[in-house]
């Protein structure tokens, strides 16, 4: 295996692991997170860490006990995956207020992830507002509070039970909230959009049709 190819594979391994971490945080628009500077730096840091670990292993001829033709492959895998694991460790714990805060490489990754979160949230806020207003503009909350979430959950085949339980608790809180019906409807739409994405929500609203639509009072 050529030297350049080994380093590229090492970079890719680190990038793929961090890629999964980033897109899993934004299920409604996972690709949007990858277009932010914070996410790019996060991916690059993980990739560069793998490359540096591989360079050190080769420089000091650390083969991790492997010999012959398999030594290079073992160096590549152990160095790359070891660097990924190292970046997610805390060297020691500091008590800040009532919380334990890990100090070490993991704190750097957490900072970058939080930066990516804020960047994506700011970028997506305006478009999400327009989407939910368009999707839920005529939806009656009380008529949709059971049927719409049930249909959205049924359309999704691999939803985590914890997410379903959290959604049920959120909907129950909305039912008891003093907000207006329209405000509750928009809040319900946002929660379902976060869970299922706008396409699934749109399909569910269209499928239920008039059954969840707000009754329009004709003007005399």
N, C-alpha and C. Protein backbone atom coordinates (compact mmCIF):
# COMPACT_ATOMS: atom_id res chain seq x y z
N UNK A 1 0.85 -1.19 0.00
CA UNK A 1 0.00 0.00 0.00
C UNK A 1 0.89 1.25 0.00
N UNK A 2 0.61 2.17 -0.90
CA UNK A 2 1.43 3.37 -1.00
C UNK A 2 1.26 4.26 0.21
N UNK A 3 2.26 5.10 0.47
CA UNK A 3 2.24 5.97 1.64
C UNK A 3 1.08 6.95 1.58
N UNK A 4 0.89 7.58 0.41
CA UNK A 4 -0.18 8.57 0.26
C UNK A 4 -1.55 7.92 0.45
N UNK A 5 -1.70 6.73 -0.11
CA UNK A 5 -2.98 6.04 0.01
C UNK A 5 -3.28 5.70 1.47
N UNK A 6 -2.26 5.30 2.21
CA UNK A 6 -2.46 4.96 3.63
C UNK A 6 -2.94 6.17 4.42
N UNK A 7 -2.32 7.32 4.16
CA UNK A 7 -2.71 8.53 4.88
C UNK A 7 -4.12 8.97 4.49
N UNK A 8 -4.47 8.80 3.24
CA UNK A 8 -5.82 9.16 2.79
C UNK A 8 -6.87 8.27 3.45
N UNK A 9 -6.58 6.98 3.56
CA UNK A 9 -7.51 6.06 4.22
C UNK A 9 -7.64 6.42 5.69
N UNK A 10 -6.51 6.74 6.33
CA UNK A 10 -6.53 7.12 7.74
C UNK A 10 -7.38 8.37 7.95
N UNK A 11 -7.22 9.35 7.08
CA UNK A 11 -8.01 10.58 7.16
C UNK A 11 -9.49 10.27 6.97
N UNK A 12 -9.78 9.39 6.01
CA UNK A 12 -11.17 9.04 5.71
C UNK A 12 -11.84 8.32 6.87
N UNK A 13 -11.11 7.44 7.56
CA UNK A 13 -11.67 6.72 8.70
C UNK A 13 -12.10 7.69 9.80
N UNK A 14 -11.22 8.62 10.11
CA UNK A 14 -11.57 9.61 11.13
C UNK A 14 -12.73 10.47 10.70
N UNK A 15 -12.74 10.85 9.42
CA UNK A 15 -13.81 11.68 8.91
C UNK A 15 -15.16 10.97 8.91
N UNK A 16 -15.17 9.68 8.58
CA UNK A 16 -16.42 8.94 8.52
C UNK A 16 -17.07 8.80 9.90
N UNK A 17 -16.25 8.54 10.91
CA UNK A 17 -16.78 8.43 12.27
C UNK A 17 -17.42 9.75 12.70
N UNK A 18 -16.71 10.84 12.49
CA UNK A 18 -17.24 12.14 12.88
C UNK A 18 -18.42 12.56 12.02
N UNK A 19 -18.43 12.11 10.75
CA UNK A 19 -19.55 12.39 9.86
C UNK A 19 -20.84 11.81 10.43
N UNK A 20 -20.76 10.57 10.89
CA UNK A 20 -21.94 9.94 11.49
C UNK A 20 -22.42 10.69 12.72
N UNK A 21 -21.48 11.20 13.51
CA UNK A 21 -21.85 11.94 14.71
C UNK A 21 -22.59 13.23 14.36
N UNK A 22 -22.12 13.91 13.32
CA UNK A 22 -22.71 15.20 12.96
C UNK A 22 -24.10 15.03 12.37
N UNK A 23 -24.25 14.14 11.38
CA UNK A 23 -25.54 14.03 10.70
C UNK A 23 -26.61 13.42 11.59
N UNK A 24 -26.21 12.63 12.61
CA UNK A 24 -27.20 12.03 13.50
C UNK A 24 -27.88 13.08 14.38
N UNK A 25 -27.30 14.27 14.48
CA UNK A 25 -27.85 15.32 15.33
C UNK A 25 -28.94 16.12 14.61
N UNK A 26 -29.07 15.94 13.29
CA UNK A 26 -30.03 16.73 12.50
C UNK A 26 -30.78 15.80 11.56
N UNK A 27 -31.80 15.13 12.10
CA UNK A 27 -32.50 14.13 11.31
C UNK A 27 -33.43 14.74 10.26
N UNK A 28 -33.88 15.99 10.48
CA UNK A 28 -34.76 16.58 9.48
C UNK A 28 -34.01 17.04 8.24
N UNK A 29 -32.77 17.53 8.42
CA UNK A 29 -31.94 17.98 7.32
C UNK A 29 -30.48 17.64 7.64
N UNK A 30 -30.09 16.37 7.60
CA UNK A 30 -28.74 15.98 8.02
C UNK A 30 -27.63 16.60 7.20
N UNK A 31 -27.86 16.81 5.91
CA UNK A 31 -26.82 17.35 5.05
C UNK A 31 -26.52 18.81 5.38
N UNK A 32 -27.51 19.51 5.92
CA UNK A 32 -27.32 20.93 6.23
C UNK A 32 -26.19 21.14 7.23
N UNK A 33 -26.01 20.19 8.15
CA UNK A 33 -24.97 20.33 9.16
C UNK A 33 -23.59 20.30 8.55
N UNK A 34 -23.44 19.60 7.43
CA UNK A 34 -22.11 19.44 6.82
C UNK A 34 -21.66 20.70 6.08
N UNK A 35 -22.56 21.65 5.90
CA UNK A 35 -22.23 22.86 5.15
C UNK A 35 -21.78 23.99 6.06
N UNK A 36 -21.60 23.71 7.35
CA UNK A 36 -21.21 24.76 8.28
C UNK A 36 -19.72 24.66 8.59
N UNK A 37 -19.06 25.79 8.88
CA UNK A 37 -17.62 25.77 9.20
C UNK A 37 -17.30 24.90 10.41
N UNK A 38 -18.14 24.96 11.45
CA UNK A 38 -17.87 24.17 12.65
C UNK A 38 -17.83 22.68 12.37
N UNK A 39 -18.78 22.21 11.55
CA UNK A 39 -18.82 20.79 11.21
C UNK A 39 -17.61 20.40 10.36
N UNK A 40 -17.21 21.29 9.45
CA UNK A 40 -16.05 21.01 8.60
C UNK A 40 -14.78 20.87 9.43
N UNK A 41 -14.60 21.78 10.38
CA UNK A 41 -13.42 21.72 11.26
C UNK A 41 -13.46 20.46 12.10
N UNK A 42 -14.65 20.08 12.56
CA UNK A 42 -14.81 18.87 13.38
C UNK A 42 -14.39 17.63 12.60
N UNK A 43 -14.86 17.51 11.35
CA UNK A 43 -14.48 16.39 10.50
C UNK A 43 -12.99 16.38 10.22
N UNK A 44 -12.46 17.57 9.90
CA UNK A 44 -11.04 17.66 9.55
C UNK A 44 -10.15 17.30 10.74
N UNK A 45 -10.53 17.73 11.94
CA UNK A 45 -9.73 17.43 13.12
C UNK A 45 -9.63 15.93 13.36
N UNK A 46 -10.74 15.23 13.21
CA UNK A 46 -10.74 13.78 13.38
C UNK A 46 -9.88 13.10 12.33
N UNK A 47 -9.96 13.59 11.10
CA UNK A 47 -9.14 13.01 10.04
C UNK A 47 -7.66 13.26 10.24
N UNK A 48 -7.31 14.48 10.61
CA UNK A 48 -5.90 14.85 10.82
C UNK A 48 -5.31 14.07 12.00
N UNK A 49 -6.12 13.83 13.03
CA UNK A 49 -5.64 13.06 14.19
C UNK A 49 -5.23 11.66 13.77
N UNK A 50 -6.02 11.05 12.89
CA UNK A 50 -5.68 9.72 12.40
C UNK A 50 -4.40 9.73 11.59
N UNK A 51 -4.22 10.75 10.76
CA UNK A 51 -3.01 10.86 9.94
C UNK A 51 -1.78 11.05 10.83
N UNK A 52 -1.90 11.90 11.85
CA UNK A 52 -0.77 12.13 12.76
C UNK A 52 -0.40 10.87 13.52
N UNK A 53 -1.41 10.12 13.97
CA UNK A 53 -1.14 8.88 14.69
C UNK A 53 -0.44 7.87 13.79
N UNK A 54 -0.88 7.79 12.54
CA UNK A 54 -0.24 6.86 11.60
C UNK A 54 1.19 7.28 11.31
N UNK A 55 1.41 8.57 11.17
CA UNK A 55 2.77 9.07 10.91
C UNK A 55 3.70 8.71 12.07
N UNK A 56 3.21 8.89 13.28
CA UNK A 56 4.02 8.56 14.46
C UNK A 56 4.31 7.06 14.53
N UNK A 57 3.32 6.25 14.22
CA UNK A 57 3.52 4.80 14.26
C UNK A 57 4.57 4.37 13.25
N UNK A 58 4.56 4.99 12.09
CA UNK A 58 5.54 4.62 11.06
C UNK A 58 6.92 5.21 11.37
N UNK A 59 6.92 6.41 11.90
CA UNK A 59 8.20 7.05 12.21
C UNK A 59 8.96 6.26 13.26
N UNK A 60 8.25 5.79 14.28
CA UNK A 60 8.90 5.04 15.37
C UNK A 60 8.79 3.52 15.17
N UNK A 61 8.33 3.12 13.99
CA UNK A 61 8.23 1.71 13.62
C UNK A 61 7.46 0.89 14.65
N UNK A 62 6.31 1.41 15.05
CA UNK A 62 5.42 0.70 15.97
C UNK A 62 4.46 -0.14 15.15
N UNK A 63 4.62 -1.45 15.18
CA UNK A 63 3.78 -2.34 14.37
C UNK A 63 2.70 -3.04 15.18
N UNK A 64 2.63 -2.77 16.49
CA UNK A 64 1.62 -3.35 17.37
C UNK A 64 1.64 -4.87 17.34
N UNK A 65 2.85 -5.42 17.20
CA UNK A 65 3.02 -6.87 17.25
C UNK A 65 2.86 -7.57 15.93
N UNK A 66 2.43 -6.86 14.88
CA UNK A 66 2.23 -7.48 13.57
C UNK A 66 3.55 -7.55 12.81
N UNK A 67 3.65 -8.53 11.94
CA UNK A 67 4.86 -8.71 11.14
C UNK A 67 4.48 -9.00 9.69
N UNK A 68 5.45 -8.79 8.82
CA UNK A 68 5.25 -9.10 7.42
C UNK A 68 4.33 -8.13 6.71
N UNK A 69 3.59 -8.66 5.73
CA UNK A 69 2.75 -7.82 4.88
C UNK A 69 1.59 -7.19 5.64
N UNK A 70 1.18 -7.83 6.74
CA UNK A 70 0.02 -7.31 7.48
C UNK A 70 0.38 -6.15 8.40
N UNK A 71 1.68 -5.88 8.60
CA UNK A 71 2.11 -4.85 9.54
C UNK A 71 1.57 -3.48 9.16
N UNK A 72 1.62 -3.13 7.87
CA UNK A 72 1.16 -1.81 7.43
C UNK A 72 -0.34 -1.66 7.67
N UNK A 73 -1.10 -2.73 7.40
CA UNK A 73 -2.56 -2.67 7.59
C UNK A 73 -2.90 -2.51 9.07
N UNK A 74 -2.18 -3.25 9.93
CA UNK A 74 -2.41 -3.15 11.36
C UNK A 74 -2.05 -1.75 11.86
N UNK A 75 -0.94 -1.21 11.37
CA UNK A 75 -0.55 0.16 11.74
C UNK A 75 -1.66 1.14 11.38
N UNK A 76 -2.17 0.99 10.17
CA UNK A 76 -3.20 1.91 9.68
C UNK A 76 -4.46 1.84 10.55
N UNK A 77 -4.94 0.64 10.81
CA UNK A 77 -6.19 0.49 11.55
C UNK A 77 -6.04 0.90 13.02
N UNK A 78 -4.99 0.41 13.66
CA UNK A 78 -4.82 0.70 15.09
C UNK A 78 -4.54 2.18 15.32
N UNK A 79 -3.69 2.78 14.50
CA UNK A 79 -3.36 4.19 14.67
C UNK A 79 -4.58 5.07 14.41
N UNK A 80 -5.30 4.78 13.34
CA UNK A 80 -6.46 5.61 12.99
C UNK A 80 -7.57 5.49 14.02
N UNK A 81 -7.94 4.25 14.35
CA UNK A 81 -9.02 4.05 15.32
C UNK A 81 -8.60 4.46 16.72
N UNK A 82 -7.31 4.28 17.02
CA UNK A 82 -6.81 4.71 18.33
C UNK A 82 -6.88 6.22 18.48
N UNK A 83 -6.58 6.93 17.41
CA UNK A 83 -6.66 8.40 17.46
C UNK A 83 -8.10 8.85 17.66
N UNK A 84 -9.04 8.16 17.00
CA UNK A 84 -10.45 8.50 17.16
C UNK A 84 -10.88 8.31 18.61
N UNK A 85 -10.45 7.20 19.21
CA UNK A 85 -10.80 6.93 20.61
C UNK A 85 -10.15 7.94 21.54
N UNK A 86 -8.90 8.30 21.26
CA UNK A 86 -8.18 9.26 22.11
C UNK A 86 -8.87 10.61 22.13
N UNK A 87 -9.36 11.06 20.97
CA UNK A 87 -10.01 12.36 20.90
C UNK A 87 -11.29 12.41 21.73
N UNK A 88 -11.84 11.25 22.07
CA UNK A 88 -13.09 11.21 22.81
C UNK A 88 -12.88 10.87 24.29
N UNK A 89 -11.66 11.03 24.76
CA UNK A 89 -11.35 10.74 26.16
C UNK A 89 -11.19 12.04 26.95
N UNK A 90 -11.34 11.91 28.25
CA UNK A 90 -11.08 13.01 29.18
C UNK A 90 -9.89 12.62 30.06
N UNK A 91 -8.92 13.51 30.17
CA UNK A 91 -7.73 13.20 30.96
C UNK A 91 -8.01 13.29 32.45
N UNK A 92 -8.89 14.22 32.85
CA UNK A 92 -9.30 14.31 34.24
C UNK A 92 -10.64 15.05 34.31
N UNK A 93 -11.28 14.95 35.45
CA UNK A 93 -12.61 15.52 35.65
C UNK A 93 -12.53 16.69 36.62
N UNK A 94 -13.19 17.78 36.26
CA UNK A 94 -13.24 18.97 37.12
C UNK A 94 -14.69 19.22 37.51
N UNK A 95 -14.90 19.51 38.77
CA UNK A 95 -16.25 19.81 39.26
C UNK A 95 -16.55 21.29 39.05
N UNK A 96 -17.53 21.59 38.21
CA UNK A 96 -17.94 22.96 37.95
C UNK A 96 -19.40 23.10 38.38
N UNK A 97 -19.61 23.78 39.51
CA UNK A 97 -20.97 23.88 40.05
C UNK A 97 -21.46 22.52 40.47
N UNK A 98 -22.58 22.09 39.86
CA UNK A 98 -23.15 20.78 40.18
C UNK A 98 -22.83 19.74 39.12
N UNK A 99 -21.99 20.09 38.15
CA UNK A 99 -21.70 19.18 37.05
C UNK A 99 -20.23 18.80 37.02
N UNK A 100 -19.96 17.57 36.56
CA UNK A 100 -18.60 17.10 36.35
C UNK A 100 -18.22 17.35 34.89
N UNK A 101 -17.15 18.08 34.67
CA UNK A 101 -16.73 18.46 33.33
C UNK A 101 -15.42 17.75 32.99
N UNK A 102 -15.41 17.01 31.89
CA UNK A 102 -14.20 16.33 31.46
C UNK A 102 -13.24 17.28 30.78
N UNK A 103 -11.97 17.23 31.18
CA UNK A 103 -10.94 18.08 30.58
C UNK A 103 -10.01 17.20 29.77
N UNK A 104 -9.87 17.54 28.50
CA UNK A 104 -9.03 16.75 27.63
C UNK A 104 -9.46 16.91 26.18
N UNK A 105 -9.04 16.01 25.31
CA UNK A 105 -9.40 16.11 23.89
C UNK A 105 -10.90 16.13 23.65
N UNK A 106 -11.67 15.40 24.47
CA UNK A 106 -13.11 15.35 24.28
C UNK A 106 -13.76 16.72 24.43
N UNK A 107 -13.19 17.57 25.29
CA UNK A 107 -13.75 18.91 25.47
C UNK A 107 -13.59 19.76 24.22
N UNK A 108 -12.50 19.53 23.47
CA UNK A 108 -12.30 20.25 22.20
C UNK A 108 -13.36 19.82 21.19
N UNK A 109 -13.60 18.51 21.09
CA UNK A 109 -14.61 18.02 20.16
C UNK A 109 -16.00 18.53 20.54
N UNK A 110 -16.29 18.56 21.83
CA UNK A 110 -17.58 19.04 22.29
C UNK A 110 -17.77 20.51 21.92
N UNK A 111 -16.72 21.29 22.06
CA UNK A 111 -16.79 22.71 21.69
C UNK A 111 -17.07 22.88 20.21
N UNK A 112 -16.40 22.08 19.38
CA UNK A 112 -16.61 22.15 17.93
C UNK A 112 -18.02 21.70 17.55
N UNK A 113 -18.50 20.65 18.21
CA UNK A 113 -19.85 20.19 17.93
C UNK A 113 -20.88 21.24 18.32
N UNK A 114 -20.67 21.89 19.45
CA UNK A 114 -21.58 22.95 19.87
C UNK A 114 -21.56 24.12 18.90
N UNK A 115 -20.37 24.43 18.38
CA UNK A 115 -20.27 25.50 17.37
C UNK A 115 -21.04 25.13 16.12
N UNK A 116 -20.91 23.87 15.71
CA UNK A 116 -21.66 23.40 14.54
C UNK A 116 -23.16 23.46 14.80
N UNK A 117 -23.57 23.08 16.02
CA UNK A 117 -24.98 23.14 16.39
C UNK A 117 -25.54 24.55 16.25
N UNK A 118 -24.82 25.51 16.81
CA UNK A 118 -25.29 26.90 16.76
C UNK A 118 -25.33 27.41 15.32
N UNK A 119 -24.34 27.04 14.54
CA UNK A 119 -24.29 27.49 13.15
C UNK A 119 -25.45 26.93 12.34
N UNK A 120 -25.72 25.64 12.52
CA UNK A 120 -26.83 25.01 11.80
C UNK A 120 -28.17 25.57 12.27
N UNK A 121 -28.32 25.76 13.57
CA UNK A 121 -29.58 26.29 14.10
C UNK A 121 -29.89 27.66 13.53
N UNK A 122 -28.88 28.52 13.49
CA UNK A 122 -29.10 29.87 12.94
C UNK A 122 -29.45 29.81 11.46
N UNK A 123 -28.79 28.92 10.75
CA UNK A 123 -29.01 28.82 9.31
C UNK A 123 -30.35 28.21 8.98
N UNK A 124 -30.81 27.26 9.81
CA UNK A 124 -32.04 26.54 9.53
C UNK A 124 -33.28 27.19 10.13
N UNK A 125 -33.10 28.11 11.08
CA UNK A 125 -34.25 28.65 11.82
C UNK A 125 -35.28 29.29 10.89
N UNK A 126 -34.83 30.15 9.98
CA UNK A 126 -35.76 30.87 9.10
C UNK A 126 -36.50 29.91 8.18
N UNK A 127 -35.78 28.97 7.57
CA UNK A 127 -36.42 28.04 6.64
C UNK A 127 -37.36 27.09 7.37
N UNK A 128 -36.99 26.67 8.59
CA UNK A 128 -37.86 25.80 9.37
C UNK A 128 -39.15 26.51 9.75
N UNK A 129 -39.05 27.80 10.05
CA UNK A 129 -40.24 28.57 10.39
C UNK A 129 -41.21 28.61 9.21
N UNK A 130 -40.69 28.85 8.02
CA UNK A 130 -41.54 28.90 6.82
C UNK A 130 -42.14 27.53 6.53
N UNK A 131 -41.35 26.48 6.70
CA UNK A 131 -41.84 25.13 6.43
C UNK A 131 -42.99 24.75 7.35
N UNK A 132 -42.82 25.00 8.64
CA UNK A 132 -43.85 24.57 9.58
C UNK A 132 -45.12 25.39 9.43
N UNK A 133 -45.00 26.68 9.11
CA UNK A 133 -46.18 27.51 8.89
C UNK A 133 -46.93 27.02 7.66
N UNK A 134 -46.20 26.64 6.62
CA UNK A 134 -46.83 26.14 5.40
C UNK A 134 -47.51 24.80 5.64
N UNK A 135 -46.86 23.90 6.39
CA UNK A 135 -47.41 22.57 6.60
C UNK A 135 -48.58 22.54 7.57
N UNK A 136 -48.54 23.42 8.58
CA UNK A 136 -49.54 23.37 9.65
C UNK A 136 -50.52 24.53 9.63
N UNK A 137 -50.58 25.28 8.54
CA UNK A 137 -51.36 26.51 8.52
C UNK A 137 -52.85 26.30 8.79
N UNK A 138 -53.42 25.19 8.36
CA UNK A 138 -54.85 24.96 8.59
C UNK A 138 -55.11 23.75 9.49
N UNK A 139 -54.08 23.27 10.17
CA UNK A 139 -54.23 22.08 11.00
C UNK A 139 -54.78 22.45 12.37
N UNK A 140 -55.83 21.77 12.80
CA UNK A 140 -56.41 21.96 14.12
C UNK A 140 -55.65 21.08 15.11
N UNK A 141 -55.12 21.69 16.15
CA UNK A 141 -54.27 20.93 17.07
C UNK A 141 -55.01 19.78 17.73
N UNK A 142 -56.18 20.02 18.29
CA UNK A 142 -56.90 18.98 19.01
C UNK A 142 -57.28 17.83 18.07
N UNK A 143 -57.61 18.15 16.84
CA UNK A 143 -57.97 17.10 15.88
C UNK A 143 -56.74 16.31 15.44
N UNK A 144 -55.57 16.97 15.46
CA UNK A 144 -54.36 16.33 14.95
C UNK A 144 -53.45 15.77 16.03
N UNK A 145 -53.71 16.09 17.29
CA UNK A 145 -52.76 15.77 18.35
C UNK A 145 -52.53 14.27 18.52
N UNK A 146 -53.51 13.46 18.13
CA UNK A 146 -53.34 12.00 18.21
C UNK A 146 -53.10 11.41 16.83
N UNK A 147 -53.92 11.79 15.87
CA UNK A 147 -53.86 11.17 14.55
C UNK A 147 -52.56 11.47 13.81
N UNK A 148 -52.12 12.74 13.84
CA UNK A 148 -50.94 13.12 13.06
C UNK A 148 -49.66 12.47 13.60
N UNK A 149 -49.40 12.54 14.91
CA UNK A 149 -48.20 11.85 15.42
C UNK A 149 -48.25 10.34 15.19
N UNK A 150 -49.45 9.75 15.35
CA UNK A 150 -49.58 8.30 15.15
C UNK A 150 -49.23 7.91 13.73
N UNK A 151 -49.71 8.68 12.76
CA UNK A 151 -49.42 8.37 11.36
C UNK A 151 -47.94 8.58 11.05
N UNK A 152 -47.37 9.66 11.56
CA UNK A 152 -45.94 9.90 11.33
C UNK A 152 -45.09 8.77 11.90
N UNK A 153 -45.42 8.31 13.10
CA UNK A 153 -44.68 7.22 13.72
C UNK A 153 -44.86 5.93 12.94
N UNK A 154 -46.06 5.72 12.40
CA UNK A 154 -46.32 4.51 11.62
C UNK A 154 -45.54 4.52 10.30
N UNK A 155 -45.33 5.70 9.75
CA UNK A 155 -44.58 5.80 8.50
C UNK A 155 -43.09 5.52 8.70
N UNK A 156 -42.60 5.79 9.91
CA UNK A 156 -41.20 5.52 10.23
C UNK A 156 -41.07 4.10 10.76
N UNK A 157 -40.13 3.33 10.22
CA UNK A 157 -40.03 1.91 10.56
C UNK A 157 -39.01 1.61 11.67
N UNK A 158 -38.07 2.51 11.91
CA UNK A 158 -37.00 2.20 12.86
C UNK A 158 -36.83 3.28 13.93
N UNK A 159 -37.92 3.82 14.39
CA UNK A 159 -37.84 4.90 15.37
C UNK A 159 -37.55 4.33 16.75
N UNK A 160 -36.63 4.98 17.45
CA UNK A 160 -36.24 4.54 18.78
C UNK A 160 -37.41 4.71 19.76
N UNK A 161 -37.67 3.69 20.61
CA UNK A 161 -38.76 3.79 21.59
C UNK A 161 -38.63 5.00 22.52
N UNK A 162 -37.40 5.38 22.85
CA UNK A 162 -37.20 6.54 23.72
C UNK A 162 -37.67 7.82 23.04
N UNK A 163 -37.46 7.90 21.72
CA UNK A 163 -37.93 9.07 20.97
C UNK A 163 -39.46 9.11 20.95
N UNK A 164 -40.08 7.95 20.82
CA UNK A 164 -41.54 7.89 20.84
C UNK A 164 -42.09 8.33 22.19
N UNK A 165 -41.45 7.88 23.26
CA UNK A 165 -41.89 8.27 24.59
C UNK A 165 -41.72 9.76 24.82
N UNK A 166 -40.60 10.31 24.36
CA UNK A 166 -40.35 11.74 24.51
C UNK A 166 -41.39 12.55 23.74
N UNK A 167 -41.75 12.08 22.54
CA UNK A 167 -42.76 12.77 21.75
C UNK A 167 -44.11 12.75 22.46
N UNK A 168 -44.48 11.62 23.03
CA UNK A 168 -45.75 11.51 23.74
C UNK A 168 -45.80 12.49 24.92
N UNK A 169 -44.70 12.62 25.62
CA UNK A 169 -44.64 13.55 26.76
C UNK A 169 -44.73 14.99 26.28
N UNK A 170 -44.08 15.30 25.15
CA UNK A 170 -44.14 16.66 24.61
C UNK A 170 -45.56 17.02 24.18
N UNK A 171 -46.24 16.06 23.54
CA UNK A 171 -47.61 16.32 23.09
C UNK A 171 -48.54 16.51 24.29
N UNK A 172 -48.35 15.71 25.32
CA UNK A 172 -49.16 15.86 26.53
C UNK A 172 -48.96 17.23 27.16
N UNK A 173 -47.72 17.72 27.14
CA UNK A 173 -47.44 19.06 27.67
C UNK A 173 -48.13 20.13 26.84
N UNK A 174 -48.17 19.93 25.51
CA UNK A 174 -48.84 20.90 24.64
C UNK A 174 -50.35 20.91 24.89
N UNK A 175 -50.93 19.73 25.11
CA UNK A 175 -52.36 19.65 25.37
C UNK A 175 -52.73 20.46 26.60
N UNK A 176 -51.89 20.42 27.61
CA UNK A 176 -52.15 21.13 28.85
C UNK A 176 -51.67 22.58 28.84
N UNK A 177 -51.01 22.98 27.79
CA UNK A 177 -50.46 24.33 27.70
C UNK A 177 -51.57 25.36 27.48
N UNK A 178 -51.41 26.58 28.00
CA UNK A 178 -52.39 27.64 27.79
C UNK A 178 -52.25 28.34 26.43
N UNK A 179 -51.35 27.87 25.59
CA UNK A 179 -51.16 28.50 24.28
C UNK A 179 -52.42 28.35 23.43
N UNK A 180 -52.50 29.18 22.40
CA UNK A 180 -53.63 29.09 21.48
C UNK A 180 -53.52 27.84 20.62
N UNK A 181 -54.61 27.47 19.97
CA UNK A 181 -54.63 26.27 19.13
C UNK A 181 -53.59 26.37 18.01
N UNK A 182 -53.49 27.55 17.41
CA UNK A 182 -52.53 27.73 16.31
C UNK A 182 -51.10 27.59 16.82
N UNK A 183 -50.82 28.17 17.98
CA UNK A 183 -49.47 28.05 18.54
C UNK A 183 -49.13 26.60 18.85
N UNK A 184 -50.08 25.87 19.40
CA UNK A 184 -49.87 24.45 19.69
C UNK A 184 -49.65 23.66 18.40
N UNK A 185 -50.42 24.02 17.37
CA UNK A 185 -50.29 23.33 16.09
C UNK A 185 -48.90 23.51 15.51
N UNK A 186 -48.38 24.74 15.57
CA UNK A 186 -47.04 25.00 15.06
C UNK A 186 -45.98 24.26 15.87
N UNK A 187 -46.15 24.26 17.19
CA UNK A 187 -45.21 23.55 18.06
C UNK A 187 -45.22 22.05 17.78
N UNK A 188 -46.41 21.50 17.56
CA UNK A 188 -46.53 20.08 17.21
C UNK A 188 -45.83 19.79 15.90
N UNK A 189 -46.01 20.68 14.93
CA UNK A 189 -45.36 20.50 13.63
C UNK A 189 -43.85 20.49 13.73
N UNK A 190 -43.30 21.39 14.56
CA UNK A 190 -41.86 21.44 14.74
C UNK A 190 -41.32 20.17 15.39
N UNK A 191 -42.04 19.67 16.38
CA UNK A 191 -41.60 18.45 17.06
C UNK A 191 -41.62 17.26 16.10
N UNK A 192 -42.66 17.17 15.29
CA UNK A 192 -42.75 16.07 14.32
C UNK A 192 -41.73 16.24 13.21
N UNK A 193 -41.45 17.48 12.84
CA UNK A 193 -40.45 17.74 11.82
C UNK A 193 -39.07 17.33 12.30
N UNK A 194 -38.77 17.63 13.56
CA UNK A 194 -37.48 17.23 14.12
C UNK A 194 -37.32 15.72 14.12
N UNK A 195 -38.41 15.01 14.36
CA UNK A 195 -38.37 13.56 14.50
C UNK A 195 -38.41 12.84 13.15
N UNK A 196 -39.29 13.31 12.27
CA UNK A 196 -39.54 12.58 11.03
C UNK A 196 -39.05 13.29 9.78
N UNK A 197 -38.81 14.60 9.88
CA UNK A 197 -38.43 15.35 8.70
C UNK A 197 -39.64 15.98 8.03
N UNK A 198 -39.45 17.06 7.28
CA UNK A 198 -40.58 17.76 6.67
C UNK A 198 -41.33 16.95 5.62
N UNK A 199 -40.64 16.07 4.89
CA UNK A 199 -41.30 15.29 3.85
C UNK A 199 -42.32 14.33 4.44
N UNK A 200 -41.93 13.63 5.51
CA UNK A 200 -42.85 12.69 6.16
C UNK A 200 -44.03 13.45 6.77
N UNK A 201 -43.75 14.59 7.40
CA UNK A 201 -44.82 15.39 7.99
C UNK A 201 -45.80 15.85 6.92
N UNK A 202 -45.28 16.31 5.80
CA UNK A 202 -46.15 16.77 4.71
C UNK A 202 -47.03 15.62 4.21
N UNK A 203 -46.44 14.45 4.04
CA UNK A 203 -47.21 13.29 3.56
C UNK A 203 -48.32 12.93 4.54
N UNK A 204 -48.02 12.99 5.83
CA UNK A 204 -49.01 12.65 6.85
C UNK A 204 -50.15 13.66 6.88
N UNK A 205 -49.81 14.95 6.78
CA UNK A 205 -50.85 15.99 6.77
C UNK A 205 -51.75 15.83 5.55
N UNK A 206 -51.15 15.58 4.41
CA UNK A 206 -51.93 15.40 3.18
C UNK A 206 -52.79 14.15 3.24
N UNK A 207 -52.26 13.08 3.86
CA UNK A 207 -53.02 11.83 3.95
C UNK A 207 -54.25 11.98 4.84
N UNK A 208 -54.11 12.71 5.94
CA UNK A 208 -55.24 12.90 6.85
C UNK A 208 -56.24 13.92 6.33
N UNK A 209 -55.76 14.84 5.53
CA UNK A 209 -56.64 15.78 4.84
C UNK A 209 -57.58 16.56 5.74
N UNK A 210 -58.88 16.55 5.37
CA UNK A 210 -59.87 17.36 6.08
C UNK A 210 -60.11 16.90 7.51
N UNK A 211 -59.69 15.67 7.84
CA UNK A 211 -59.94 15.14 9.18
C UNK A 211 -59.23 15.94 10.27
N UNK A 212 -58.13 16.59 9.91
CA UNK A 212 -57.39 17.36 10.92
C UNK A 212 -57.37 18.85 10.59
N UNK A 213 -58.15 19.26 9.62
CA UNK A 213 -58.15 20.66 9.22
C UNK A 213 -59.04 21.49 10.13
N UNK A 214 -58.63 22.73 10.35
CA UNK A 214 -59.40 23.65 11.17
C UNK A 214 -60.69 24.03 10.44
N UNK A 215 -61.79 24.02 11.17
CA UNK A 215 -63.08 24.35 10.56
C UNK A 215 -63.10 25.83 10.19
N UNK A 216 -63.39 26.11 8.95
CA UNK A 216 -63.43 27.49 8.48
C UNK A 216 -64.84 28.03 8.62
N UNK A 217 -65.00 29.14 9.35
CA UNK A 217 -66.30 29.76 9.54
C UNK A 217 -66.56 30.75 8.40
N UNK A 218 -67.61 30.51 7.67
CA UNK A 218 -67.92 31.37 6.54
C UNK A 218 -68.39 32.74 7.01
N UNK A 219 -67.88 33.76 6.33
CA UNK A 219 -68.27 35.13 6.68
C UNK A 219 -69.59 35.48 6.01
N UNK A 220 -70.45 36.15 6.78
CA UNK A 220 -71.74 36.56 6.23
C UNK A 220 -71.61 37.92 5.56
